[in-house]
Amino acid sequence: MPLAELARPSDTSVRDAVGTRRLVLGLALPVLALGAARWAATSELALRHPRIAAALFTWIAADALMLGLLLHAPERTPRLTAIIASLASSAALVLLAPTPAVHTGLVQLAWLERTLIAVIALEVALLCAQGAKVWRQTQGSPPDRIRSVAQALLPTPLYRLARAELSLLQIALFRWNARPDVPAGTQPFTNHRHLGPMLLALLVLQVIEAAATDLVVRIWFPTLAQALVFLGEYGVLFTVGLVKSLRLRPVLLCEDGVRIRLGLLRECFVRYEDILEPAQTLDPHEVRAPTTRRMAILVWPNVMLRLRPGHAGRAPRGRSDIQAIALHLDEPEAFIAALRARIDPSV
């Protein structure tokens, strides 16, 4: 093959790069346009002409969100439901976060305010109809149906984020003295004993820092202090949930593979036939290589699972195929012995 062909980027890499640029533009351009429009709506000129300010701000908000919608999916025409959702989002933005000039203009332009409310009502009606349809079609318990409705109505990244946050809060607030999640027929191996003391120390520092920050900031900035207290309380809940999830979600040797879990932070599954060699001797260069997936935090890994070529997986940022997985376990010797027995029962 000529060297020019080797140096030429593949069509897939070019498409990925173009798609990434469009995604960034689809997020950045609407934010910049809305920020500029809101800044202009606070000017003295906007206060002198509130009707024009309200109309222009409404138009820019709708146009910016539609631009983002088109940049996210340039190869196909957006569906009508997506267009209505974008318009409803811009209408909610105008109604819920107006500047004084825009608020005055909306009061004077009653027809514009009623139009924005009608667009939001239409989107709510469409979401309710879609949710009712998914509810009727889903079989199972009410929690399963609720999850199906949420997955159908929310964007995939937002649904995953909401599900992860709710799972974390549930573990932090309710699952006290719960038994670890170990299905029948699996062999668990813990990985939380080394992290527990460090995270508990971090928890104590978070409580002290939140109290001290609230005491100092509340004197001069009461509103900011309330926001910081909320963030501090959420950080404490996050740490508590993380500590508990590490104990409740150990690494599992299943019937057909290894389920590697790092609390609620990370999870991956590797089949036994994809494992070339488990080892305790770790090369620092191999651990730091982009082809190695790190499944350990705040501590150096003590187990390396080297994978066979062609393993179905991608390394971080999709740079190359995964060749190894590094993790830390409380009993690495017992884990490697049990894993080798599963890979080759004759040993």
Protein backbone atom coordinates (compact mmCIF):
# COMPACT_ATOMS: atom_id res chain seq x y z
CA MET A 1 0.00 0.00 0.00
CA PRO A 2 1.46 3.45 -0.85
CA LEU A 3 2.56 5.64 2.02
CA ALA A 4 0.11 8.31 0.88
CA GLU A 5 -2.74 5.91 1.43
CA LEU A 6 -1.52 5.16 4.95
CA ALA A 7 -1.24 8.85 5.78
CA ARG A 8 -4.66 9.71 4.37
CA PRO A 9 -7.36 9.88 7.08
CA SER A 10 -10.11 7.33 6.75
CA ASP A 11 -13.64 8.31 5.80
CA THR A 12 -14.81 7.17 9.22
CA SER A 13 -12.35 9.40 11.08
CA VAL A 14 -13.29 12.37 8.89
CA ARG A 15 -16.98 11.78 9.53
CA ASP A 16 -16.34 11.47 13.27
CA ALA A 17 -14.36 14.72 13.32
CA VAL A 18 -17.04 16.57 11.34
CA GLY A 19 -19.75 15.15 13.60
CA THR A 20 -17.85 16.28 16.70
CA ARG A 21 -17.43 19.80 15.32
CA ARG A 22 -21.12 19.99 14.48
CA LEU A 23 -22.03 18.79 17.95
CA VAL A 24 -19.80 21.43 19.56
CA LEU A 25 -21.20 24.13 17.31
CA GLY A 26 -24.73 22.91 18.01
CA LEU A 27 -24.10 23.47 21.71
CA ALA A 28 -21.88 26.57 21.63
CA LEU A 29 -23.62 28.74 19.04
CA PRO A 30 -27.08 28.75 20.69
CA VAL A 31 -25.50 29.54 24.08
CA LEU A 32 -23.48 32.43 22.61
CA ALA A 33 -26.49 33.78 20.71
CA LEU A 34 -28.74 33.61 23.76
CA GLY A 35 -26.09 35.21 25.97
CA ALA A 36 -25.62 38.09 23.54
CA ALA A 37 -29.39 38.55 23.17
CA ARG A 38 -29.91 38.61 26.93
CA TRP A 39 -27.09 41.11 27.36
CA ALA A 40 -28.63 43.36 24.68
CA ALA A 41 -32.05 43.05 26.36
CA THR A 42 -30.63 44.66 29.54
CA SER A 43 -29.47 47.81 27.73
CA GLU A 44 -31.07 51.22 28.14
CA LEU A 45 -32.21 51.10 24.51
CA ALA A 46 -34.18 47.92 25.25
CA LEU A 47 -35.78 49.58 28.28
CA ARG A 48 -36.92 52.47 26.06
CA HIS A 49 -38.41 50.06 23.48
CA PRO A 50 -39.67 47.03 25.46
CA ARG A 51 -41.97 45.72 22.74
CA ILE A 52 -39.17 45.53 20.20
CA ALA A 53 -36.87 44.01 22.83
CA ALA A 54 -39.41 41.30 23.71
CA ALA A 55 -40.08 40.45 20.05
CA LEU A 56 -36.36 40.34 19.15
CA PHE A 57 -35.43 38.27 22.20
CA THR A 58 -38.22 35.77 21.42
CA TRP A 59 -37.12 35.52 17.80
CA ILE A 60 -33.43 35.07 18.67
CA ALA A 61 -34.23 32.40 21.30
CA ALA A 62 -36.34 30.39 18.85
CA ASP A 63 -33.82 30.82 16.04
CA ALA A 64 -30.85 29.83 18.23
CA LEU A 65 -32.44 26.61 19.48
CA MET A 66 -33.59 25.70 15.96
CA LEU A 67 -30.02 26.26 14.74
CA GLY A 68 -28.77 23.89 17.40
CA LEU A 69 -31.36 21.31 16.34
CA LEU A 70 -30.27 21.52 12.70
CA LEU A 71 -26.57 21.25 13.56
CA HIS A 72 -27.18 18.13 15.68
CA ALA A 73 -28.80 16.29 12.78
CA PRO A 74 -27.68 17.97 9.52
CA GLU A 75 -28.16 14.84 7.40
CA ARG A 76 -31.92 14.57 7.96
CA THR A 77 -34.92 16.85 8.28
CA PRO A 78 -35.95 17.30 11.93
CA ARG A 79 -39.21 15.70 12.90
CA LEU A 80 -42.21 17.88 13.66
CA THR A 81 -42.15 16.81 17.30
CA ALA A 82 -38.51 17.90 17.61
CA ILE A 83 -39.33 21.29 16.08
CA ILE A 84 -42.23 21.79 18.51
CA ALA A 85 -40.00 20.76 21.42
CA SER A 86 -37.35 23.29 20.35
CA LEU A 87 -39.92 26.07 20.04
CA ALA A 88 -41.42 25.17 23.42
CA SER A 89 -37.96 25.30 25.02
CA SER A 90 -37.35 28.77 23.61
CA ALA A 91 -40.80 29.89 24.78
CA ALA A 92 -40.10 28.63 28.30
CA LEU A 93 -36.75 30.43 28.27
CA VAL A 94 -38.42 33.72 27.33
CA LEU A 95 -41.20 33.39 29.92
CA LEU A 96 -39.18 32.05 32.85
CA ALA A 97 -36.02 34.16 32.59
CA PRO A 98 -36.97 37.54 31.12
CA THR A 99 -35.12 40.79 31.64
CA PRO A 100 -37.13 43.81 32.88
CA ALA A 101 -37.41 45.12 29.32
CA VAL A 102 -38.59 41.77 27.94
CA HIS A 103 -41.06 41.35 30.82
CA THR A 104 -42.54 44.78 30.15
CA GLY A 105 -42.72 44.05 26.43
CA LEU A 106 -44.54 40.75 27.01
CA VAL A 107 -47.09 42.53 29.19
CA GLN A 108 -47.69 45.05 26.42
CA LEU A 109 -47.75 42.36 23.71
CA ALA A 110 -50.34 40.09 25.29
CA TRP A 111 -50.81 38.12 22.06
CA LEU A 112 -47.10 37.16 22.03
CA GLU A 113 -47.25 35.95 25.62
CA ARG A 114 -50.38 33.90 24.89
CA THR A 115 -48.66 32.39 21.83
CA LEU A 116 -45.65 31.33 23.89
CA ILE A 117 -47.93 29.74 26.51
CA ALA A 118 -49.86 27.92 23.77
CA VAL A 119 -46.65 26.46 22.31
CA ILE A 120 -45.61 25.19 25.73
CA ALA A 121 -49.09 23.73 26.32
CA LEU A 122 -48.92 21.95 22.95
CA GLU A 123 -45.55 20.39 23.84
CA VAL A 124 -46.87 19.28 27.25
CA ALA A 125 -49.91 17.70 25.59
CA LEU A 126 -47.71 15.84 23.09
CA LEU A 127 -45.44 14.57 25.88
CA CYS A 128 -48.43 13.40 27.91
CA ALA A 129 -49.87 11.57 24.90
CA GLN A 130 -46.53 9.91 24.13
CA GLY A 131 -46.04 8.97 27.78
CA ALA A 132 -49.53 7.46 27.99
CA LYS A 133 -48.87 5.42 24.85
CA VAL A 134 -45.57 4.05 26.22
CA TRP A 135 -47.26 3.30 29.56
CA ARG A 136 -49.97 1.23 27.86
CA GLN A 137 -47.47 -0.66 25.70
CA THR A 138 -45.04 -1.47 28.53
CA GLN A 139 -45.54 -4.66 30.49
CA GLY A 140 -44.37 -4.99 34.07
CA SER A 141 -44.56 -3.23 37.39
CA PRO A 142 -45.23 0.53 37.78
CA PRO A 143 -41.51 1.33 38.36
CA ASP A 144 -40.64 -0.47 35.11
CA ARG A 145 -43.31 1.51 33.29
CA ILE A 146 -42.08 4.77 34.78
CA ARG A 147 -38.55 4.02 33.61
CA SER A 148 -39.83 3.23 30.11
CA VAL A 149 -41.80 6.48 29.97
CA ALA A 150 -38.81 8.51 31.18
CA GLN A 151 -36.52 6.82 28.64
CA ALA A 152 -38.98 7.60 25.85
CA LEU A 153 -39.53 11.24 26.79
CA LEU A 154 -36.06 12.35 27.89
CA PRO A 155 -32.98 12.65 25.64
CA THR A 156 -30.66 9.67 26.10
CA PRO A 157 -27.82 11.60 27.85
CA LEU A 158 -30.30 13.32 30.19
CA TYR A 159 -32.05 10.03 30.95
CA ARG A 160 -28.77 8.31 31.79
CA LEU A 161 -27.72 11.22 34.00
CA ALA A 162 -31.07 11.31 35.81
CA ARG A 163 -31.07 7.55 36.31
CA ALA A 164 -27.53 7.58 37.69
CA GLU A 165 -28.30 10.48 40.05
CA LEU A 166 -31.50 8.87 41.33
CA SER A 167 -29.71 5.56 41.88
CA LEU A 168 -26.98 7.36 43.82
CA LEU A 169 -29.49 9.24 45.99
CA GLN A 170 -31.45 6.06 46.64
CA ILE A 171 -28.33 4.28 47.85
CA ALA A 172 -27.20 7.27 49.93
CA LEU A 173 -30.55 7.85 51.66
CA PHE A 174 -32.27 4.49 51.94
CA ARG A 175 -30.06 1.41 51.45
CA TRP A 176 -28.58 1.18 54.93
CA ASN A 177 -27.27 -2.24 56.02
CA ALA A 178 -28.34 -3.64 52.64
CA ARG A 179 -26.78 -6.82 51.33
CA PRO A 180 -24.38 -6.54 48.36
CA ASP A 181 -25.81 -7.06 44.90
CA VAL A 182 -24.57 -10.59 44.21
CA PRO A 183 -26.85 -12.62 41.90
CA ALA A 184 -27.08 -16.37 42.33
CA GLY A 185 -24.33 -18.34 40.58
CA THR A 186 -21.77 -15.53 40.75
CA GLN A 187 -18.62 -15.19 42.87
CA PRO A 188 -18.01 -11.72 44.39
CA PHE A 189 -14.70 -9.99 45.05
CA THR A 190 -14.69 -6.73 46.99
CA ASN A 191 -12.82 -3.60 45.96
CA HIS A 192 -13.93 -1.06 48.58
CA ARG A 193 -11.72 -1.64 51.65
CA HIS A 194 -8.86 0.51 50.34
CA LEU A 195 -11.20 3.32 49.27
CA GLY A 196 -13.49 3.40 52.30
CA PRO A 197 -11.14 5.20 54.74
CA MET A 198 -10.04 7.77 52.12
CA LEU A 199 -13.61 8.57 51.09
CA LEU A 200 -14.76 8.78 54.70
CA ALA A 201 -11.95 11.27 55.38
CA LEU A 202 -13.07 13.21 52.30
CA LEU A 203 -16.63 13.16 53.67
CA VAL A 204 -15.51 14.69 56.98
CA LEU A 205 -13.57 17.39 55.13
CA GLN A 206 -16.62 18.15 52.97
CA VAL A 207 -18.81 18.66 56.04
CA ILE A 208 -16.24 20.95 57.68
CA GLU A 209 -15.71 22.92 54.46
CA ALA A 210 -19.45 23.34 53.86
CA ALA A 211 -20.02 24.62 57.40
CA ALA A 212 -17.07 27.04 57.26
CA THR A 213 -18.03 28.34 53.80
CA ASP A 214 -21.62 28.93 54.87
CA LEU A 215 -20.48 30.78 58.01
CA VAL A 216 -18.16 33.10 56.09
CA VAL A 217 -20.13 33.70 52.88
CA ARG A 218 -23.54 34.19 54.54
CA ILE A 219 -22.34 37.40 56.17
CA TRP A 220 -21.91 39.20 52.84
CA PHE A 221 -23.76 37.09 50.24
CA PRO A 222 -26.79 35.27 51.73
CA THR A 223 -28.13 34.10 48.35
CA LEU A 224 -24.77 32.71 47.27
CA ALA A 225 -24.44 31.01 50.66
CA GLN A 226 -27.73 29.16 50.11
CA ALA A 227 -26.51 27.90 46.74
CA LEU A 228 -23.19 26.80 48.23
CA VAL A 229 -24.98 25.01 51.07
CA PHE A 230 -27.06 23.12 48.52
CA LEU A 231 -23.96 22.13 46.56
CA GLY A 232 -22.19 21.10 49.76
CA GLU A 233 -25.11 18.94 50.90
CA TYR A 234 -25.31 17.31 47.50
CA GLY A 235 -21.56 16.64 47.60
CA VAL A 236 -21.94 14.95 50.98
CA LEU A 237 -24.79 12.79 49.65
CA PHE A 238 -22.73 11.94 46.57
CA THR A 239 -19.79 10.81 48.70
CA VAL A 240 -22.03 8.77 51.01
CA GLY A 241 -23.69 7.11 48.02
CA LEU A 242 -20.34 6.40 46.40
CA VAL A 243 -18.93 4.80 49.55
CA LYS A 244 -22.00 2.61 49.96
CA SER A 245 -22.16 1.69 46.25
CA LEU A 246 -18.59 0.38 46.36
CA ARG A 247 -19.63 -2.13 49.01
CA LEU A 248 -22.96 -2.99 47.38
CA ARG A 249 -21.54 -3.55 43.87
CA PRO A 250 -18.47 -5.84 44.03
CA VAL A 251 -16.66 -7.38 41.07
CA LEU A 252 -18.38 -10.59 39.95
CA LEU A 253 -17.20 -13.77 38.28
CA CYS A 254 -20.29 -14.75 36.32
CA GLU A 255 -21.05 -17.85 34.31
CA ASP A 256 -19.68 -16.49 31.04
CA GLY A 257 -17.46 -13.58 32.05
CA VAL A 258 -16.21 -10.99 34.53
CA ARG A 259 -18.46 -8.08 35.51
CA ILE A 260 -16.12 -5.35 36.73
CA ARG A 261 -17.93 -2.75 38.81
CA LEU A 262 -16.53 0.33 40.51
CA GLY A 263 -19.56 1.32 42.54
CA LEU A 264 -21.89 3.44 40.45
CA LEU A 265 -19.00 5.15 38.68
CA ARG A 266 -17.99 2.56 36.09
CA GLU A 267 -18.94 -0.89 34.91
CA CYS A 268 -17.81 -3.20 32.13
CA PHE A 269 -18.19 -6.87 31.19
CA VAL A 270 -15.48 -9.09 29.71
CA ARG A 271 -16.09 -12.62 28.47
CA TYR A 272 -13.72 -15.33 29.61
CA GLU A 273 -12.73 -16.20 26.04
CA ASP A 274 -11.58 -12.57 25.50
CA ILE A 275 -9.12 -12.70 28.41
CA LEU A 276 -5.61 -13.62 27.32
CA GLU A 277 -3.90 -13.46 30.70
CA PRO A 278 -4.68 -12.20 34.22
CA ALA A 279 -1.61 -10.90 36.04
CA GLN A 280 -0.56 -9.16 39.25
CA THR A 281 2.73 -7.84 37.87
CA LEU A 282 1.94 -4.46 36.36
CA ASP A 283 4.08 -2.38 34.04
CA PRO A 284 3.53 1.35 34.75
CA HIS A 285 3.74 2.14 31.03
CA GLU A 286 1.07 -0.45 30.28
CA VAL A 287 -1.21 0.88 33.01
CA ARG A 288 -0.92 4.44 31.66
CA ALA A 289 -1.26 3.39 28.00
CA PRO A 290 -4.33 4.69 26.12
CA THR A 291 -5.17 1.09 25.24
CA THR A 292 -5.67 0.22 28.93
CA ARG A 293 -8.96 0.90 30.62
CA ARG A 294 -8.51 2.00 34.25
CA MET A 295 -11.15 0.59 36.59
CA ALA A 296 -9.56 1.93 39.79
CA ILE A 297 -9.66 5.33 41.49
CA LEU A 298 -7.42 6.94 44.12
CA VAL A 299 -5.14 3.89 44.18
CA TRP A 300 -2.72 2.04 41.92
CA PRO A 301 -4.20 -1.08 40.26
CA ASN A 302 -3.05 -4.50 41.44
CA VAL A 303 -4.64 -6.71 38.74
CA MET A 304 -4.24 -6.52 34.98
CA LEU A 305 -6.50 -8.38 32.55
CA ARG A 306 -4.76 -8.58 29.18
CA LEU A 307 -7.21 -9.13 26.35
CA ARG A 308 -6.99 -11.04 23.11
CA PRO A 309 -6.64 -9.07 19.85
CA GLY A 310 -9.95 -8.10 18.35
CA HIS A 311 -11.68 -7.62 21.71
CA ALA A 312 -14.95 -5.77 21.06
CA GLY A 313 -14.36 -2.51 22.89
CA ARG A 314 -12.96 0.96 22.57
CA ALA A 315 -10.43 2.78 24.69
CA PRO A 316 -11.19 6.23 26.12
CA ARG A 317 -11.96 8.79 23.39
CA GLY A 318 -11.99 5.96 20.86
CA ARG A 319 -8.30 6.22 20.03
CA SER A 320 -7.59 2.53 19.68
CA ASP A 321 -8.76 -0.92 20.68
CA ILE A 322 -8.69 -1.87 24.34
CA GLN A 323 -5.83 -4.27 25.06
CA ALA A 324 -6.02 -4.50 28.85
CA ILE A 325 -8.14 -3.62 31.87
CA ALA A 326 -6.49 -2.50 35.11
CA LEU A 327 -8.36 -2.81 38.42
CA HIS A 328 -7.75 -2.93 42.16
CA LEU A 329 -9.16 -5.67 44.37
CA ASP A 330 -8.97 -6.35 48.09
CA GLU A 331 -7.91 -9.99 47.46
CA PRO A 332 -6.07 -10.06 44.11
CA GLU A 333 -4.51 -13.50 44.58
CA ALA A 334 -7.85 -15.19 45.25
CA PHE A 335 -9.42 -13.37 42.32
CA ILE A 336 -6.72 -14.42 39.85
CA ALA A 337 -6.86 -18.04 41.05
CA ALA A 338 -10.64 -18.17 40.69
CA LEU A 339 -10.48 -16.45 37.29
CA ARG A 340 -7.89 -18.88 35.95
CA ALA A 341 -10.05 -21.77 37.13
CA ARG A 342 -12.95 -20.33 35.16
CA ILE A 343 -10.89 -19.67 32.05
CA ASP A 344 -9.27 -23.12 32.06
CA PRO A 345 -11.17 -25.58 34.33
CA SER A 346 -8.44 -28.22 33.80
CA VAL A 347 -5.88 -26.13 35.73
